[in-house]
Amino acid sequence: MAYLEKSFEALGDPTRLAIFQRVAAKPHSVGEIAEHFPVSRPAVSQHLRVLKQAGLVADVKDGTRRVYQVKPEGIEALRKYFDQLWDRNLKAFQAAAARSAERKNVDDSGSGNRTGKKVF
């Protein structure tokens, strides 16, 4: 769970989220990322360090520069979390819908209407 907390915390900063989205679209160096943001290269490096510590990006040495790319394992952990969250909420919705349908059926059958059809 601490791993997920770091991921959410890392993505909670708007600039860092935008940097992550840029890297998710395609691998970039710090300089390439900094060209698109109103922050310095050292600031971009700090944001990337946080994303890296959260397990969301990895860097690969390319000559004298480092190229950052999404780390699939970090994304997989987030995806699993959201899948579980979605499944749990979908099951709760289905249960609520079933309870509502049961109440409706009980209300319809106990209304004194022998045919079971709604009377308007």
C-alpha atoms as a PDB file:
ATOM      1  CA  MET A   1       0.000   0.000   0.000  1.00  0.00           C
ATOM      2  CA  ALA A   2       2.922   2.366   0.655  1.00  0.00           C
ATOM      3  CA  TYR A   3       3.899   1.886  -2.986  1.00  0.00           C
ATOM      4  CA  LEU A   4       0.466   3.098  -4.111  1.00  0.00           C
ATOM      5  CA  GLU A   5       0.591   6.040  -1.712  1.00  0.00           C
ATOM      6  CA  LYS A   6       3.894   7.143  -3.240  1.00  0.00           C
ATOM      7  CA  SER A   7       2.422   6.851  -6.716  1.00  0.00           C
ATOM      8  CA  PHE A   8      -0.642   8.906  -5.855  1.00  0.00           C
ATOM      9  CA  GLU A   9       1.429  11.466  -4.005  1.00  0.00           C
ATOM     10  CA  ALA A  10       3.791  11.756  -6.960  1.00  0.00           C
ATOM     11  CA  LEU A  11       0.942  12.235  -9.425  1.00  0.00           C
ATOM     12  CA  GLY A  12      -0.872  14.660  -7.121  1.00  0.00           C
ATOM     13  CA  ASP A  13       1.320  17.565  -8.187  1.00  0.00           C
ATOM     14  CA  PRO A  14      -0.076  19.138 -11.395  1.00  0.00           C
ATOM     15  CA  THR A  15       3.350  19.800 -12.939  1.00  0.00           C
ATOM     16  CA  ARG A  16       4.544  16.310 -12.097  1.00  0.00           C
ATOM     17  CA  LEU A  17       1.380  14.799 -13.548  1.00  0.00           C
ATOM     18  CA  ALA A  18       1.906  16.769 -16.762  1.00  0.00           C
ATOM     19  CA  ILE A  19       5.529  15.583 -16.915  1.00  0.00           C
ATOM     20  CA  PHE A  20       4.388  12.011 -16.360  1.00  0.00           C
ATOM     21  CA  GLN A  21       1.812  12.326 -19.141  1.00  0.00           C
ATOM     22  CA  ARG A  22       4.473  13.629 -21.517  1.00  0.00           C
ATOM     23  CA  VAL A  23       6.793  10.724 -20.664  1.00  0.00           C
ATOM     24  CA  ALA A  24       3.881   8.290 -20.976  1.00  0.00           C
ATOM     25  CA  ALA A  25       3.282   9.498 -24.530  1.00  0.00           C
ATOM     26  CA  LYS A  26       6.912   8.839 -25.473  1.00  0.00           C
ATOM     27  CA  PRO A  27      10.316   8.692 -23.767  1.00  0.00           C
ATOM     28  CA  HIS A  28      11.976  12.082 -23.235  1.00  0.00           C
ATOM     29  CA  SER A  29      15.190  13.511 -21.839  1.00  0.00           C
ATOM     30  CA  VAL A  30      15.121  16.160 -19.113  1.00  0.00           C
ATOM     31  CA  GLY A  31      15.934  18.862 -21.658  1.00  0.00           C
ATOM     32  CA  GLU A  32      13.127  17.799 -23.984  1.00  0.00           C
ATOM     33  CA  ILE A  33      10.657  17.859 -21.103  1.00  0.00           C
ATOM     34  CA  ALA A  34      11.889  21.218 -19.784  1.00  0.00           C
ATOM     35  CA  GLU A  35      11.227  22.833 -23.190  1.00  0.00           C
ATOM     36  CA  HIS A  36       7.494  22.399 -22.578  1.00  0.00           C
ATOM     37  CA  PHE A  37       7.274  23.671 -19.005  1.00  0.00           C
ATOM     38  CA  PRO A  38       7.806  27.028 -17.319  1.00  0.00           C
ATOM     39  CA  VAL A  39      10.230  25.457 -14.830  1.00  0.00           C
ATOM     40  CA  SER A  40      13.995  24.981 -14.886  1.00  0.00           C
ATOM     41  CA  ARG A  41      15.771  21.813 -15.924  1.00  0.00           C
ATOM     42  CA  PRO A  42      16.793  21.145 -12.304  1.00  0.00           C
ATOM     43  CA  ALA A  43      13.121  21.431 -11.282  1.00  0.00           C
ATOM     44  CA  VAL A  44      12.152  18.950 -14.005  1.00  0.00           C
ATOM     45  CA  SER A  45      14.912  16.637 -12.747  1.00  0.00           C
ATOM     46  CA  GLN A  46      13.471  16.852  -9.220  1.00  0.00           C
ATOM     47  CA  HIS A  47       9.995  15.985 -10.486  1.00  0.00           C
ATOM     48  CA  LEU A  48      11.404  13.044 -12.428  1.00  0.00           C
ATOM     49  CA  ARG A  49      13.284  11.870  -9.331  1.00  0.00           C
ATOM     50  CA  VAL A  50      10.014  11.789  -7.376  1.00  0.00           C
ATOM     51  CA  LEU A  51       8.306   9.882 -10.198  1.00  0.00           C
ATOM     52  CA  LYS A  52      11.230   7.468 -10.303  1.00  0.00           C
ATOM     53  CA  GLN A  53      11.142   6.925  -6.517  1.00  0.00           C
ATOM     54  CA  ALA A  54       7.421   6.194  -6.820  1.00  0.00           C
ATOM     55  CA  GLY A  55       8.211   3.516  -9.406  1.00  0.00           C
ATOM     56  CA  LEU A  56       6.351   5.259 -12.215  1.00  0.00           C
ATOM     57  CA  VAL A  57       9.274   6.082 -14.519  1.00  0.00           C
ATOM     58  CA  ALA A  58      12.708   4.689 -15.226  1.00  0.00           C
ATOM     59  CA  ASP A  59      15.685   6.260 -16.893  1.00  0.00           C
ATOM     60  CA  VAL A  60      18.007   4.808 -19.504  1.00  0.00           C
ATOM     61  CA  LYS A  61      21.414   6.229 -20.263  1.00  0.00           C
ATOM     62  CA  ASP A  62      21.673   7.440 -23.862  1.00  0.00           C
ATOM     63  CA  GLY A  63      25.158   8.856 -24.398  1.00  0.00           C
ATOM     64  CA  THR A  64      25.560  11.821 -22.071  1.00  0.00           C
ATOM     65  CA  ARG A  65      21.873  12.171 -21.269  1.00  0.00           C
ATOM     66  CA  ARG A  66      19.211  10.172 -19.500  1.00  0.00           C
ATOM     67  CA  VAL A  67      15.973   9.344 -21.256  1.00  0.00           C
ATOM     68  CA  TYR A  68      12.924   8.805 -19.063  1.00  0.00           C
ATOM     69  CA  GLN A  69      10.168   6.357 -19.892  1.00  0.00           C
ATOM     70  CA  VAL A  70       7.165   4.902 -18.116  1.00  0.00           C
ATOM     71  CA  LYS A  71       7.887   1.925 -15.918  1.00  0.00           C
ATOM     72  CA  PRO A  72       5.256  -0.723 -16.764  1.00  0.00           C
ATOM     73  CA  GLU A  73       5.343  -2.288 -13.290  1.00  0.00           C
ATOM     74  CA  GLY A  74       4.356   1.009 -11.680  1.00  0.00           C
ATOM     75  CA  ILE A  75       1.471   1.477 -14.063  1.00  0.00           C
ATOM     76  CA  GLU A  76       0.393  -2.132 -13.546  1.00  0.00           C
ATOM     77  CA  ALA A  77       0.128  -1.583  -9.781  1.00  0.00           C
ATOM     78  CA  LEU A  78      -2.089   1.466 -10.314  1.00  0.00           C
ATOM     79  CA  ARG A  79      -4.204  -0.368 -12.878  1.00  0.00           C
ATOM     80  CA  LYS A  80      -4.747  -3.301 -10.481  1.00  0.00           C
ATOM     81  CA  TYR A  81      -5.768  -0.907  -7.722  1.00  0.00           C
ATOM     82  CA  PHE A  82      -8.323   0.841  -9.941  1.00  0.00           C
ATOM     83  CA  ASP A  83      -9.593  -2.499 -11.308  1.00  0.00           C
ATOM     84  CA  GLN A  84     -10.224  -3.714  -7.742  1.00  0.00           C
ATOM     85  CA  LEU A  85     -11.871  -0.418  -6.835  1.00  0.00           C
ATOM     86  CA  TRP A  86     -14.078  -0.578  -9.932  1.00  0.00           C
ATOM     87  CA  ASP A  87     -15.011  -4.237  -9.321  1.00  0.00           C
ATOM     88  CA  ARG A  88     -15.910  -3.556  -5.686  1.00  0.00           C
ATOM     89  CA  ASN A  89     -18.071  -0.556  -6.586  1.00  0.00           C
ATOM     90  CA  LEU A  90     -19.722  -2.355  -9.488  1.00  0.00           C
ATOM     91  CA  LYS A  91     -20.665  -5.238  -7.182  1.00  0.00           C
ATOM     92  CA  ALA A  92     -22.072  -2.771  -4.647  1.00  0.00           C
ATOM     93  CA  PHE A  93     -24.107  -1.095  -7.414  1.00  0.00           C
ATOM     94  CA  GLN A  94     -25.405  -4.473  -8.620  1.00  0.00           C
ATOM     95  CA  ALA A  95     -26.410  -5.428  -5.071  1.00  0.00           C
ATOM     96  CA  ALA A  96     -28.205  -2.097  -4.578  1.00  0.00           C
ATOM     97  CA  ALA A  97     -30.010  -2.511  -7.913  1.00  0.00           C
ATOM     98  CA  ALA A  98     -31.082  -6.037  -6.956  1.00  0.00           C
ATOM     99  CA  ARG A  99     -32.392  -4.815  -3.572  1.00  0.00           C
ATOM    100  CA  SER A 100     -34.284  -2.031  -5.309  1.00  0.00           C
ATOM    101  CA  ALA A 101     -35.818  -4.476  -7.781  1.00  0.00           C
ATOM    102  CA  GLU A 102     -36.844  -6.798  -4.933  1.00  0.00           C
ATOM    103  CA  ARG A 103     -38.522  -3.917  -3.071  1.00  0.00           C
ATOM    104  CA  LYS A 104     -40.324  -2.899  -6.246  1.00  0.00           C
ATOM    105  CA  ASN A 105     -41.565  -6.460  -6.758  1.00  0.00           C
ATOM    106  CA  VAL A 106     -42.752  -6.686  -3.154  1.00  0.00           C
ATOM    107  CA  ASP A 107     -44.504  -3.308  -3.450  1.00  0.00           C
ATOM    108  CA  ASP A 108     -46.193  -4.324  -6.709  1.00  0.00           C
ATOM    109  CA  SER A 109     -47.365  -7.709  -5.389  1.00  0.00           C
ATOM    110  CA  GLY A 110     -48.655  -6.333  -2.094  1.00  0.00           C
ATOM    111  CA  SER A 111     -50.741  -3.546  -3.626  1.00  0.00           C
ATOM    112  CA  GLY A 112     -53.948  -5.549  -3.786  1.00  0.00           C
ATOM    113  CA  ASN A 113     -53.668  -5.908  -7.527  1.00  0.00           C
ATOM    114  CA  ARG A 114     -54.323  -9.626  -8.197  1.00  0.00           C
ATOM    115  CA  THR A 115     -53.094  -9.534 -11.783  1.00  0.00           C
ATOM    116  CA  GLY A 116     -49.590  -8.440 -10.789  1.00  0.00           C
ATOM    117  CA  LYS A 117     -49.801  -5.612 -13.314  1.00  0.00           C
ATOM    118  CA  LYS A 118     -49.281  -2.021 -12.378  1.00  0.00           C
ATOM    119  CA  VAL A 119     -52.399   0.033 -11.913  1.00  0.00           C
ATOM    120  CA  PHE A 120     -52.072   3.678 -12.847  1.00  0.00           C
END
